[in-house]
Amino acid sequence: MHCVAAKFVPCLLIDEQEVNHVTVSQDRSNADENFLKNIVTGDEKWAYRYDIKKRLNRCIGWENQSRSNVQVLFIFFYGKGIVQQEFVPRSQRVNGQFYLEVMKCLREAERRKRPKG
């Protein structure tokens, strides 16, 4: 079993916090060459979701894309590629409970793609 940790870093740091953040990061990366390659990070974006086969059959251009195909996409990746990607269902409210389920799915996907040896 391994530890999964998450930490949010504020956008605005005072000088002392900024220096400390850089020092700790440099110390950690010097201790392990692959440190940065092993970090899983994520983002959420509004993205078009469509079926490529239907799009090719109908020859619809991007300019004809309707807003009804826009959904929130959660994507998580690390140094070697994508770990997990997931579109939020249209009727789903994005709240703490939803994020918890996304994190559980991410943990399972991470275990499948990066098994500990």
PDB file of N, CA and C in Angstrom:
ATOM      1  N   MET A   1       0.849  -1.180   0.000  1.00  0.00           N
ATOM      2  CA  MET A   1       0.000   0.000   0.000  1.00  0.00           C
ATOM      3  C   MET A   1       0.890   1.236   0.000  1.00  0.00           C
ATOM      4  N   HIS A   2       0.464   2.279  -0.693  1.00  0.00           N
ATOM      5  CA  HIS A   2       1.241   3.507  -0.713  1.00  0.00           C
ATOM      6  C   HIS A   2       0.357   4.698  -0.374  1.00  0.00           C
ATOM      7  N   CYS A   3       1.009   5.762  -0.023  1.00  0.00           N
ATOM      8  CA  CYS A   3       0.311   6.957   0.438  1.00  0.00           C
ATOM      9  C   CYS A   3      -0.103   7.825  -0.746  1.00  0.00           C
ATOM     10  N   VAL A   4      -1.307   8.320  -0.727  1.00  0.00           N
ATOM     11  CA  VAL A   4      -1.780   9.279  -1.717  1.00  0.00           C
ATOM     12  C   VAL A   4      -2.027  10.575  -0.967  1.00  0.00           C
ATOM     13  N   ALA A   5      -1.402  11.639  -1.427  1.00  0.00           N
ATOM     14  CA  ALA A   5      -1.545  12.914  -0.734  1.00  0.00           C
ATOM     15  C   ALA A   5      -1.945  13.991  -1.727  1.00  0.00           C
ATOM     16  N   ALA A   6      -2.664  14.961  -1.253  1.00  0.00           N
ATOM     17  CA  ALA A   6      -3.052  16.096  -2.077  1.00  0.00           C
ATOM     18  C   ALA A   6      -2.823  17.360  -1.274  1.00  0.00           C
ATOM     19  N   LYS A   7      -2.319  18.372  -1.952  1.00  0.00           N
ATOM     20  CA  LYS A   7      -2.087  19.637  -1.276  1.00  0.00           C
ATOM     21  C   LYS A   7      -2.357  20.764  -2.253  1.00  0.00           C
ATOM     22  N   PHE A   8      -3.102  21.739  -1.810  1.00  0.00           N
ATOM     23  CA  PHE A   8      -3.352  22.913  -2.621  1.00  0.00           C
ATOM     24  C   PHE A   8      -2.351  23.984  -2.237  1.00  0.00           C
ATOM     25  N   VAL A   9      -1.749  24.606  -3.236  1.00  0.00           N
ATOM     26  CA  VAL A   9      -0.788  25.679  -3.000  1.00  0.00           C
ATOM     27  C   VAL A   9      -1.468  26.982  -3.370  1.00  0.00           C
ATOM     28  N   PRO A  10      -1.555  27.929  -2.447  1.00  0.00           N
ATOM     29  CA  PRO A  10      -2.199  29.206  -2.767  1.00  0.00           C
ATOM     30  C   PRO A  10      -1.457  29.932  -3.883  1.00  0.00           C
ATOM     31  N   CYS A  11      -2.201  30.683  -4.665  1.00  0.00           N
ATOM     32  CA  CYS A  11      -1.594  31.424  -5.778  1.00  0.00           C
ATOM     33  C   CYS A  11      -0.695  32.552  -5.285  1.00  0.00           C
ATOM     34  N   LEU A  12      -1.084  33.191  -4.214  1.00  0.00           N
ATOM     35  CA  LEU A  12      -0.321  34.324  -3.700  1.00  0.00           C
ATOM     36  C   LEU A  12       0.408  33.916  -2.428  1.00  0.00           C
ATOM     37  N   LEU A  13       1.722  33.838  -2.511  1.00  0.00           N
ATOM     38  CA  LEU A  13       2.537  33.473  -1.356  1.00  0.00           C
ATOM     39  C   LEU A  13       3.367  34.677  -0.930  1.00  0.00           C
ATOM     40  N   ILE A  14       3.587  34.804   0.368  1.00  0.00           N
ATOM     41  CA  ILE A  14       4.518  35.838   0.815  1.00  0.00           C
ATOM     42  C   ILE A  14       5.930  35.337   0.485  1.00  0.00           C
ATOM     43  N   ASP A  15       6.911  36.245   0.499  1.00  0.00           N
ATOM     44  CA  ASP A  15       8.270  35.898   0.085  1.00  0.00           C
ATOM     45  C   ASP A  15       8.837  34.712   0.850  1.00  0.00           C
ATOM     46  N   GLU A  16       8.633  34.684   2.150  1.00  0.00           N
ATOM     47  CA  GLU A  16       9.164  33.594   2.976  1.00  0.00           C
ATOM     48  C   GLU A  16       8.548  32.244   2.579  1.00  0.00           C
ATOM     49  N   GLN A  17       7.238  32.233   2.319  1.00  0.00           N
ATOM     50  CA  GLN A  17       6.571  30.998   1.903  1.00  0.00           C
ATOM     51  C   GLN A  17       7.078  30.544   0.530  1.00  0.00           C
ATOM     52  N   GLU A  18       7.287  31.499  -0.348  1.00  0.00           N
ATOM     53  CA  GLU A  18       7.761  31.183  -1.689  1.00  0.00           C
ATOM     54  C   GLU A  18       9.150  30.552  -1.644  1.00  0.00           C
ATOM     55  N   VAL A  19      10.060  31.131  -0.851  1.00  0.00           N
ATOM     56  CA  VAL A  19      11.417  30.594  -0.710  1.00  0.00           C
ATOM     57  C   VAL A  19      11.360  29.194  -0.101  1.00  0.00           C
ATOM     58  N   ASN A  20      10.533  29.021   0.918  1.00  0.00           N
ATOM     59  CA  ASN A  20      10.391  27.712   1.559  1.00  0.00           C
ATOM     60  C   ASN A  20       9.845  26.674   0.572  1.00  0.00           C
ATOM     61  N   HIS A  21       8.857  27.057  -0.209  1.00  0.00           N
ATOM     62  CA  HIS A  21       8.250  26.160  -1.190  1.00  0.00           C
ATOM     63  C   HIS A  21       9.292  25.701  -2.212  1.00  0.00           C
ATOM     64  N   VAL A  22      10.092  26.622  -2.717  1.00  0.00           N
ATOM     65  CA  VAL A  22      11.126  26.302  -3.701  1.00  0.00           C
ATOM     66  C   VAL A  22      12.191  25.405  -3.071  1.00  0.00           C
ATOM     67  N   THR A  23      12.620  25.726  -1.859  1.00  0.00           N
ATOM     68  CA  THR A  23      13.663  24.943  -1.179  1.00  0.00           C
ATOM     69  C   THR A  23      13.217  23.502  -0.959  1.00  0.00           C
ATOM     70  N   VAL A  24      12.012  23.314  -0.452  1.00  0.00           N
ATOM     71  CA  VAL A  24      11.497  21.964  -0.213  1.00  0.00           C
ATOM     72  C   VAL A  24      11.370  21.197  -1.526  1.00  0.00           C
ATOM     73  N   SER A  25      10.887  21.856  -2.568  1.00  0.00           N
ATOM     74  CA  SER A  25      10.739  21.200  -3.868  1.00  0.00           C
ATOM     75  C   SER A  25      12.088  20.783  -4.432  1.00  0.00           C
ATOM     76  N   GLN A  26      13.084  21.658  -4.339  1.00  0.00           N
ATOM     77  CA  GLN A  26      14.417  21.333  -4.840  1.00  0.00           C
ATOM     78  C   GLN A  26      15.041  20.192  -4.039  1.00  0.00           C
ATOM     79  N   ASP A  27      14.902  20.222  -2.711  1.00  0.00           N
ATOM     80  CA  ASP A  27      15.435  19.142  -1.875  1.00  0.00           C
ATOM     81  C   ASP A  27      14.797  17.806  -2.255  1.00  0.00           C
ATOM     82  N   ARG A  28      13.503  17.825  -2.445  1.00  0.00           N
ATOM     83  CA  ARG A  28      12.784  16.584  -2.780  1.00  0.00           C
ATOM     84  C   ARG A  28      13.185  16.074  -4.158  1.00  0.00           C
ATOM     85  N   SER A  29      13.303  16.976  -5.134  1.00  0.00           N
ATOM     86  CA  SER A  29      13.660  16.535  -6.483  1.00  0.00           C
ATOM     87  C   SER A  29      15.112  16.071  -6.554  1.00  0.00           C
ATOM     88  N   ASN A  30      15.994  16.635  -5.723  1.00  0.00           N
ATOM     89  CA  ASN A  30      17.383  16.171  -5.680  1.00  0.00           C
ATOM     90  C   ASN A  30      17.483  14.794  -5.049  1.00  0.00           C
ATOM     91  N   ALA A  31      16.589  14.481  -4.132  1.00  0.00           N
ATOM     92  CA  ALA A  31      16.613  13.186  -3.454  1.00  0.00           C
ATOM     93  C   ALA A  31      16.155  12.057  -4.384  1.00  0.00           C
ATOM     94  N   ASP A  32      15.314  12.362  -5.344  1.00  0.00           N
ATOM     95  CA  ASP A  32      14.782  11.340  -6.246  1.00  0.00           C
ATOM     96  C   ASP A  32      14.655  11.941  -7.649  1.00  0.00           C
ATOM     97  N   GLU A  33      15.423  11.394  -8.593  1.00  0.00           N
ATOM     98  CA  GLU A  33      15.424  11.923  -9.962  1.00  0.00           C
ATOM     99  C   GLU A  33      14.046  11.859 -10.616  1.00  0.00           C
ATOM    100  N   ASN A  34      13.259  10.858 -10.273  1.00  0.00           N
ATOM    101  CA  ASN A  34      11.954  10.655 -10.901  1.00  0.00           C
ATOM    102  C   ASN A  34      10.805  11.301 -10.140  1.00  0.00           C
ATOM    103  N   PHE A  35      11.141  12.122  -9.168  1.00  0.00           N
ATOM    104  CA  PHE A  35      10.109  12.725  -8.320  1.00  0.00           C
ATOM    105  C   PHE A  35       9.030  13.441  -9.141  1.00  0.00           C
ATOM    106  N   LEU A  36       9.433  14.329 -10.038  1.00  0.00           N
ATOM    107  CA  LEU A  36       8.452  15.098 -10.802  1.00  0.00           C
ATOM    108  C   LEU A  36       7.673  14.219 -11.778  1.00  0.00           C
ATOM    109  N   LYS A  37       8.296  13.156 -12.268  1.00  0.00           N
ATOM    110  CA  LYS A  37       7.610  12.257 -13.197  1.00  0.00           C
ATOM    111  C   LYS A  37       6.516  11.455 -12.509  1.00  0.00           C
ATOM    112  N   ASN A  38       6.577  11.332 -11.200  1.00  0.00           N
ATOM    113  CA  ASN A  38       5.617  10.523 -10.456  1.00  0.00           C
ATOM    114  C   ASN A  38       4.444  11.310  -9.888  1.00  0.00           C
ATOM    115  N   ILE A  39       4.473  12.612 -10.011  1.00  0.00           N
ATOM    116  CA  ILE A  39       3.380  13.440  -9.490  1.00  0.00           C
ATOM    117  C   ILE A  39       2.188  13.352 -10.436  1.00  0.00           C
ATOM    118  N   VAL A  40       1.023  13.073  -9.883  1.00  0.00           N
ATOM    119  CA  VAL A  40      -0.210  13.074 -10.663  1.00  0.00           C
ATOM    120  C   VAL A  40      -0.883  14.420 -10.427  1.00  0.00           C
ATOM    121  N   THR A  41      -1.199  15.089 -11.506  1.00  0.00           N
ATOM    122  CA  THR A  41      -1.872  16.385 -11.400  1.00  0.00           C
ATOM    123  C   THR A  41      -3.126  16.343 -12.260  1.00  0.00           C
ATOM    124  N   GLY A  42      -4.014  17.266 -12.029  1.00  0.00           N
ATOM    125  CA  GLY A  42      -5.270  17.237 -12.764  1.00  0.00           C
ATOM    126  C   GLY A  42      -5.799  18.611 -13.077  1.00  0.00           C
ATOM    127  N   ASP A  43      -6.808  18.618 -13.915  1.00  0.00           N
ATOM    128  CA  ASP A  43      -7.435  19.872 -14.316  1.00  0.00           C
ATOM    129  C   ASP A  43      -8.871  19.565 -14.711  1.00  0.00           C
ATOM    130  N   GLU A  44      -9.682  20.573 -14.671  1.00  0.00           N
ATOM    131  CA  GLU A  44     -11.051  20.442 -15.163  1.00  0.00           C
ATOM    132  C   GLU A  44     -11.281  21.545 -16.182  1.00  0.00           C
ATOM    133  N   LYS A  45     -11.864  21.173 -17.284  1.00  0.00           N
ATOM    134  CA  LYS A  45     -12.089  22.102 -18.390  1.00  0.00           C
ATOM    135  C   LYS A  45     -13.454  21.857 -19.000  1.00  0.00           C
ATOM    136  N   TRP A  46     -14.006  22.892 -19.612  1.00  0.00           N
ATOM    137  CA  TRP A  46     -15.186  22.715 -20.446  1.00  0.00           C
ATOM    138  C   TRP A  46     -14.685  22.196 -21.778  1.00  0.00           C
ATOM    139  N   ALA A  47     -15.257  21.097 -22.254  1.00  0.00           N
ATOM    140  CA  ALA A  47     -14.801  20.492 -23.495  1.00  0.00           C
ATOM    141  C   ALA A  47     -15.996  19.961 -24.277  1.00  0.00           C
ATOM    142  N   TYR A  48     -15.818  19.886 -25.602  1.00  0.00           N
ATOM    143  CA  TYR A  48     -16.841  19.287 -26.451  1.00  0.00           C
ATOM    144  C   TYR A  48     -16.749  17.775 -26.347  1.00  0.00           C
ATOM    145  N   ARG A  49     -17.890  17.135 -26.200  1.00  0.00           N
ATOM    146  CA  ARG A  49     -17.936  15.681 -26.190  1.00  0.00           C
ATOM    147  C   ARG A  49     -18.780  15.251 -27.377  1.00  0.00           C
ATOM    148  N   TYR A  50     -18.191  14.420 -28.224  1.00  0.00           N
ATOM    149  CA  TYR A  50     -18.923  13.962 -29.388  1.00  0.00           C
ATOM    150  C   TYR A  50     -18.445  12.576 -29.787  1.00  0.00           C
ATOM    151  N   ASP A  51     -19.245  11.910 -30.582  1.00  0.00           N
ATOM    152  CA  ASP A  51     -18.922  10.587 -31.098  1.00  0.00           C
ATOM    153  C   ASP A  51     -18.223  10.787 -32.430  1.00  0.00           C
ATOM    154  N   ILE A  52     -16.970  10.368 -32.534  1.00  0.00           N
ATOM    155  CA  ILE A  52     -16.178  10.609 -33.742  1.00  0.00           C
ATOM    156  C   ILE A  52     -16.792   9.926 -34.960  1.00  0.00           C
ATOM    157  N   LYS A  53     -17.407   8.753 -34.786  1.00  0.00           N
ATOM    158  CA  LYS A  53     -18.004   8.055 -35.927  1.00  0.00           C
ATOM    159  C   LYS A  53     -19.172   8.836 -36.499  1.00  0.00           C
ATOM    160  N   LYS A  54     -20.026   9.383 -35.619  1.00  0.00           N
ATOM    161  CA  LYS A  54     -21.146  10.201 -36.092  1.00  0.00           C
ATOM    162  C   LYS A  54     -20.641  11.455 -36.783  1.00  0.00           C
ATOM    163  N   ARG A  55     -19.592  12.060 -36.223  1.00  0.00           N
ATOM    164  CA  ARG A  55     -19.037  13.274 -36.799  1.00  0.00           C
ATOM    165  C   ARG A  55     -18.503  13.004 -38.207  1.00  0.00           C
ATOM    166  N   LEU A  56     -17.807  11.911 -38.396  1.00  0.00           N
ATOM    167  CA  LEU A  56     -17.252  11.588 -39.707  1.00  0.00           C
ATOM    168  C   LEU A  56     -18.360  11.266 -40.709  1.00  0.00           C
ATOM    169  N   ASN A  57     -19.395  10.594 -40.256  1.00  0.00           N
ATOM    170  CA  ASN A  57     -20.498  10.241 -41.150  1.00  0.00           C
ATOM    171  C   ASN A  57     -21.279  11.465 -41.617  1.00  0.00           C
ATOM    172  N   ARG A  58     -21.414  12.449 -40.765  1.00  0.00           N
ATOM    173  CA  ARG A  58     -22.210  13.632 -41.103  1.00  0.00           C
ATOM    174  C   ARG A  58     -21.371  14.783 -41.634  1.00  0.00           C
ATOM    175  N   CYS A  59     -20.048  14.680 -41.527  1.00  0.00           N
ATOM    176  CA  CYS A  59     -19.135  15.744 -41.989  1.00  0.00           C
ATOM    177  C   CYS A  59     -19.500  17.090 -41.388  1.00  0.00           C
ATOM    178  N   ILE A  60     -19.716  17.119 -40.100  1.00  0.00           N
ATOM    179  CA  ILE A  60     -20.073  18.365 -39.411  1.00  0.00           C
ATOM    180  C   ILE A  60     -18.791  19.072 -39.015  1.00  0.00           C
ATOM    181  N   GLY A  61     -18.705  20.353 -39.306  1.00  0.00           N
ATOM    182  CA  GLY A  61     -17.528  21.134 -38.943  1.00  0.00           C
ATOM    183  C   GLY A  61     -17.615  21.620 -37.511  1.00  0.00           C
ATOM    184  N   TRP A  62     -16.486  22.056 -36.984  1.00  0.00           N
ATOM    185  CA  TRP A  62     -16.448  22.571 -35.613  1.00  0.00           C
ATOM    186  C   TRP A  62     -17.360  23.783 -35.435  1.00  0.00           C
ATOM    187  N   GLU A  63     -17.503  24.574 -36.507  1.00  0.00           N
ATOM    188  CA  GLU A  63     -18.316  25.782 -36.381  1.00  0.00           C
ATOM    189  C   GLU A  63     -19.787  25.449 -36.159  1.00  0.00           C
ATOM    190  N   ASN A  64     -20.198  24.222 -36.495  1.00  0.00           N
ATOM    191  CA  ASN A  64     -21.589  23.812 -36.305  1.00  0.00           C
ATOM    192  C   ASN A  64     -21.811  23.083 -34.978  1.00  0.00           C
ATOM    193  N   GLN A  65     -20.778  23.012 -34.166  1.00  0.00           N
ATOM    194  CA  GLN A  65     -20.874  22.306 -32.888  1.00  0.00           C
ATOM    195  C   GLN A  65     -21.840  23.049 -31.963  1.00  0.00           C
ATOM    196  N   SER A  66     -22.785  22.336 -31.389  1.00  0.00           N
ATOM    197  CA  SER A  66     -23.752  22.995 -30.510  1.00  0.00           C
ATOM    198  C   SER A  66     -23.239  23.012 -29.076  1.00  0.00           C
ATOM    199  N   ARG A  67     -23.729  23.960 -28.310  1.00  0.00           N
ATOM    200  CA  ARG A  67     -23.335  24.066 -26.903  1.00  0.00           C
ATOM    201  C   ARG A  67     -23.849  22.895 -26.079  1.00  0.00           C
ATOM    202  N   SER A  68     -24.823  22.167 -26.590  1.00  0.00           N
ATOM    203  CA  SER A  68     -25.353  21.043 -25.828  1.00  0.00           C
ATOM    204  C   SER A  68     -24.322  19.921 -25.698  1.00  0.00           C
ATOM    205  N   ASN A  69     -23.286  19.933 -26.526  1.00  0.00           N
ATOM    206  CA  ASN A  69     -22.238  18.919 -26.454  1.00  0.00           C
ATOM    207  C   ASN A  69     -21.110  19.316 -25.515  1.00  0.00           C
ATOM    208  N   VAL A  70     -21.199  20.493 -24.891  1.00  0.00           N
ATOM    209  CA  VAL A  70     -20.148  20.952 -23.993  1.00  0.00           C
ATOM    210  C   VAL A  70     -20.392  20.370 -22.600  1.00  0.00           C
ATOM    211  N   GLN A  71     -19.342  19.742 -22.056  1.00  0.00           N
ATOM    212  CA  GLN A  71     -19.422  19.174 -20.716  1.00  0.00           C
ATOM    213  C   GLN A  71     -18.122  19.453 -19.987  1.00  0.00           C
ATOM    214  N   VAL A  72     -18.160  19.293 -18.669  1.00  0.00           N
ATOM    215  CA  VAL A  72     -16.949  19.442 -17.870  1.00  0.00           C
ATOM    216  C   VAL A  72     -16.158  18.140 -17.976  1.00  0.00           C
ATOM    217  N   LEU A  73     -14.865  18.275 -18.234  1.00  0.00           N
ATOM    218  CA  LEU A  73     -13.966  17.132 -18.335  1.00  0.00           C
ATOM    219  C   LEU A  73     -12.937  17.218 -17.217  1.00  0.00           C
ATOM    220  N   PHE A  74     -12.838  16.159 -16.426  1.00  0.00           N
ATOM    221  CA  PHE A  74     -11.767  16.035 -15.446  1.00  0.00           C
ATOM    222  C   PHE A  74     -10.696  15.176 -16.085  1.00  0.00           C
ATOM    223  N   ILE A  75      -9.452  15.651 -16.056  1.00  0.00           N
ATOM    224  CA  ILE A  75      -8.353  14.879 -16.623  1.00  0.00           C
ATOM    225  C   ILE A  75      -7.180  14.905 -15.656  1.00  0.00           C
ATOM    226  N   PHE A  76      -6.591  13.743 -15.426  1.00  0.00           N
ATOM    227  CA  PHE A  76      -5.466  13.599 -14.507  1.00  0.00           C
ATOM    228  C   PHE A  76      -4.321  12.941 -15.264  1.00  0.00           C
ATOM    229  N   PHE A  77      -3.117  13.452 -15.082  1.00  0.00           N
ATOM    230  CA  PHE A  77      -1.979  12.934 -15.828  1.00  0.00           C
ATOM    231  C   PHE A  77      -0.709  13.025 -15.003  1.00  0.00           C
ATOM    232  N   TYR A  78       0.314  12.318 -15.468  1.00  0.00           N
ATOM    233  CA  TYR A  78       1.633  12.356 -14.834  1.00  0.00           C
ATOM    234  C   TYR A  78       2.670  12.334 -15.941  1.00  0.00           C
ATOM    235  N   GLY A  79       3.951  12.145 -15.604  1.00  0.00           N
ATOM    236  CA  GLY A  79       5.038  12.254 -16.568  1.00  0.00           C
ATOM    237  C   GLY A  79       4.934  11.378 -17.798  1.00  0.00           C
ATOM    238  N   LYS A  80       4.238  10.261 -17.710  1.00  0.00           N
ATOM    239  CA  LYS A  80       4.157   9.340 -18.843  1.00  0.00           C
ATOM    240  C   LYS A  80       2.824   9.384 -19.578  1.00  0.00           C
ATOM    241  N   GLY A  81       1.904  10.214 -19.154  1.00  0.00           N
ATOM    242  CA  GLY A  81       0.644  10.319 -19.879  1.00  0.00           C
ATOM    243  C   GLY A  81      -0.569  10.452 -18.980  1.00  0.00           C
ATOM    244  N   ILE A  82      -1.718  10.204 -19.574  1.00  0.00           N
ATOM    245  CA  ILE A  82      -3.002  10.359 -18.892  1.00  0.00           C
ATOM    246  C   ILE A  82      -3.248   9.167 -17.981  1.00  0.00           C
ATOM    247  N   VAL A  83      -3.665   9.456 -16.755  1.00  0.00           N
ATOM    248  CA  VAL A  83      -4.016   8.411 -15.799  1.00  0.00           C
ATOM    249  C   VAL A  83      -5.523   8.166 -15.844  1.00  0.00           C
ATOM    250  N   GLN A  84      -6.305   9.254 -15.853  1.00  0.00           N
ATOM    251  CA  GLN A  84      -7.764   9.131 -15.797  1.00  0.00           C
ATOM    252  C   GLN A  84      -8.376  10.346 -16.464  1.00  0.00           C
ATOM    253  N   GLN A  85      -9.438  10.124 -17.214  1.00  0.00           N
ATOM    254  CA  GLN A  85     -10.226  11.232 -17.754  1.00  0.00           C
ATOM    255  C   GLN A  85     -11.693  10.860 -17.629  1.00  0.00           C
ATOM    256  N   GLU A  86     -12.486  11.860 -17.325  1.00  0.00           N
ATOM    257  CA  GLU A  86     -13.890  11.579 -17.044  1.00  0.00           C
ATOM    258  C   GLU A  86     -14.729  12.814 -17.339  1.00  0.00           C
ATOM    259  N   PHE A  87     -15.781  12.624 -18.133  1.00  0.00           N
ATOM    260  CA  PHE A  87     -16.740  13.695 -18.367  1.00  0.00           C
ATOM    261  C   PHE A  87     -17.773  13.676 -17.253  1.00  0.00           C
ATOM    262  N   VAL A  88     -18.154  14.835 -16.777  1.00  0.00           N
ATOM    263  CA  VAL A  88     -19.174  14.945 -15.734  1.00  0.00           C
ATOM    264  C   VAL A  88     -20.539  14.816 -16.407  1.00  0.00           C
ATOM    265  N   PRO A  89     -21.381  13.909 -15.925  1.00  0.00           N
ATOM    266  CA  PRO A  89     -22.733  13.797 -16.493  1.00  0.00           C
ATOM    267  C   PRO A  89     -23.472  15.134 -16.395  1.00  0.00           C
ATOM    268  N   ARG A  90     -24.291  15.430 -17.378  1.00  0.00           N
ATOM    269  CA  ARG A  90     -24.976  16.728 -17.450  1.00  0.00           C
ATOM    270  C   ARG A  90     -25.796  17.055 -16.201  1.00  0.00           C
ATOM    271  N   SER A  91     -26.453  16.079 -15.638  1.00  0.00           N
ATOM    272  CA  SER A  91     -27.328  16.347 -14.491  1.00  0.00           C
ATOM    273  C   SER A  91     -26.580  16.313 -13.150  1.00  0.00           C
ATOM    274  N   GLN A  92     -25.287  16.029 -13.176  1.00  0.00           N
ATOM    275  CA  GLN A  92     -24.506  15.886 -11.946  1.00  0.00           C
ATOM    276  C   GLN A  92     -24.090  17.235 -11.382  1.00  0.00           C
ATOM    277  N   ARG A  93     -24.315  17.434 -10.101  1.00  0.00           N
ATOM    278  CA  ARG A  93     -23.794  18.617  -9.414  1.00  0.00           C
ATOM    279  C   ARG A  93     -22.380  18.311  -8.964  1.00  0.00           C
ATOM    280  N   VAL A  94     -21.462  19.214  -9.223  1.00  0.00           N
ATOM    281  CA  VAL A  94     -20.075  19.018  -8.814  1.00  0.00           C
ATOM    282  C   VAL A  94     -19.924  19.580  -7.409  1.00  0.00           C
ATOM    283  N   ASN A  95     -19.867  18.672  -6.440  1.00  0.00           N
ATOM    284  CA  ASN A  95     -19.748  19.060  -5.039  1.00  0.00           C
ATOM    285  C   ASN A  95     -18.721  18.149  -4.375  1.00  0.00           C
ATOM    286  N   GLY A  96     -18.599  18.244  -3.075  1.00  0.00           N
ATOM    287  CA  GLY A  96     -17.612  17.458  -2.343  1.00  0.00           C
ATOM    288  C   GLY A  96     -17.794  15.964  -2.513  1.00  0.00           C
ATOM    289  N   GLN A  97     -19.034  15.503  -2.479  1.00  0.00           N
ATOM    290  CA  GLN A  97     -19.313  14.073  -2.641  1.00  0.00           C
ATOM    291  C   GLN A  97     -18.893  13.600  -4.031  1.00  0.00           C
ATOM    292  N   PHE A  98     -19.167  14.412  -5.044  1.00  0.00           N
ATOM    293  CA  PHE A  98     -18.775  14.040  -6.406  1.00  0.00           C
ATOM    294  C   PHE A  98     -17.254  13.968  -6.532  1.00  0.00           C
ATOM    295  N   TYR A  99     -16.560  14.981  -5.972  1.00  0.00           N
ATOM    296  CA  TYR A  99     -15.093  14.975  -6.014  1.00  0.00           C
ATOM    297  C   TYR A  99     -14.529  13.743  -5.307  1.00  0.00           C
ATOM    298  N   LEU A 100     -15.140  13.330  -4.220  1.00  0.00           N
ATOM    299  CA  LEU A 100     -14.687  12.136  -3.505  1.00  0.00           C
ATOM    300  C   LEU A 100     -14.765  10.908  -4.413  1.00  0.00           C
ATOM    301  N   GLU A 101     -15.859  10.769  -5.146  1.00  0.00           N
ATOM    302  CA  GLU A 101     -16.008   9.640  -6.073  1.00  0.00           C
ATOM    303  C   GLU A 101     -14.984   9.718  -7.203  1.00  0.00           C
ATOM    304  N   VAL A 102     -14.720  10.922  -7.695  1.00  0.00           N
ATOM    305  CA  VAL A 102     -13.702  11.092  -8.743  1.00  0.00           C
ATOM    306  C   VAL A 102     -12.334  10.682  -8.210  1.00  0.00           C
ATOM    307  N   MET A 103     -12.027  11.058  -6.973  1.00  0.00           N
ATOM    308  CA  MET A 103     -10.730  10.695  -6.379  1.00  0.00           C
ATOM    309  C   MET A 103     -10.607   9.184  -6.182  1.00  0.00           C
ATOM    310  N   LYS A 104     -11.704   8.523  -5.823  1.00  0.00           N
ATOM    311  CA  LYS A 104     -11.677   7.060  -5.684  1.00  0.00           C
ATOM    312  C   LYS A 104     -11.402   6.403  -7.034  1.00  0.00           C
ATOM    313  N   CYS A 105     -12.056   6.893  -8.076  1.00  0.00           N
ATOM    314  CA  CYS A 105     -11.816   6.369  -9.427  1.00  0.00           C
ATOM    315  C   CYS A 105     -10.378   6.642  -9.861  1.00  0.00           C
ATOM    316  N   LEU A 106      -9.872   7.817  -9.527  1.00  0.00           N
ATOM    317  CA  LEU A 106      -8.489   8.159  -9.864  1.00  0.00           C
ATOM    318  C   LEU A 106      -7.521   7.213  -9.167  1.00  0.00           C
ATOM    319  N   ARG A 107      -7.757   6.928  -7.902  1.00  0.00           N
ATOM    320  CA  ARG A 107      -6.881   6.029  -7.156  1.00  0.00           C
ATOM    321  C   ARG A 107      -6.844   4.644  -7.805  1.00  0.00           C
ATOM    322  N   GLU A 108      -8.007   4.138  -8.205  1.00  0.00           N
ATOM    323  CA  GLU A 108      -8.053   2.828  -8.859  1.00  0.00           C
ATOM    324  C   GLU A 108      -7.357   2.857 -10.220  1.00  0.00           C
ATOM    325  N   ALA A 109      -7.569   3.918 -10.983  1.00  0.00           N
ATOM    326  CA  ALA A 109      -6.912   4.039 -12.292  1.00  0.00           C
ATOM    327  C   ALA A 109      -5.404   4.143 -12.124  1.00  0.00           C
ATOM    328  N   GLU A 110      -4.976   4.862 -11.104  1.00  0.00           N
ATOM    329  CA  GLU A 110      -3.547   5.023 -10.841  1.00  0.00           C
ATOM    330  C   GLU A 110      -2.937   3.682 -10.449  1.00  0.00           C
ATOM    331  N   ARG A 111      -3.634   2.899  -9.696  1.00  0.00           N
ATOM    332  CA  ARG A 111      -3.142   1.563  -9.306  1.00  0.00           C
ATOM    333  C   ARG A 111      -3.017   0.642 -10.511  1.00  0.00           C
ATOM    334  N   ARG A 112      -3.965   0.761 -11.454  1.00  0.00           N
ATOM    335  CA  ARG A 112      -3.911  -0.077 -12.659  1.00  0.00           C
ATOM    336  C   ARG A 112      -2.760   0.334 -13.572  1.00  0.00           C
ATOM    337  N   LYS A 113      -2.567   1.634 -13.734  1.00  0.00           N
ATOM    338  CA  LYS A 113      -1.561   2.121 -14.683  1.00  0.00           C
ATOM    339  C   LYS A 113      -0.172   2.180 -14.110  1.00  0.00           C
ATOM    340  N   ARG A 114      -0.058   2.325 -12.790  1.00  0.00           N
ATOM    341  CA  ARG A 114       1.272   2.411 -12.159  1.00  0.00           C
ATOM    342  C   ARG A 114       1.356   1.453 -10.983  1.00  0.00           C
ATOM    343  N   PRO A 115       1.340   0.150 -11.276  1.00  0.00           N
ATOM    344  CA  PRO A 115       1.395  -0.808 -10.161  1.00  0.00           C
ATOM    345  C   PRO A 115       2.727  -0.735  -9.446  1.00  0.00           C
ATOM    346  N   LYS A 116       2.688  -0.923  -8.135  1.00  0.00           N
ATOM    347  CA  LYS A 116       3.906  -0.922  -7.346  1.00  0.00           C
ATOM    348  C   LYS A 116       4.545  -2.289  -7.456  1.00  0.00           C
ATOM    349  N   GLY A 117       5.865  -2.312  -7.724  1.00  0.00           N
ATOM    350  CA  GLY A 117       6.545  -3.584  -7.912  1.00  0.00           C
ATOM    351  C   GLY A 117       7.252  -4.023  -6.766  1.00  0.00           C
TER     352      GLY A 117
END
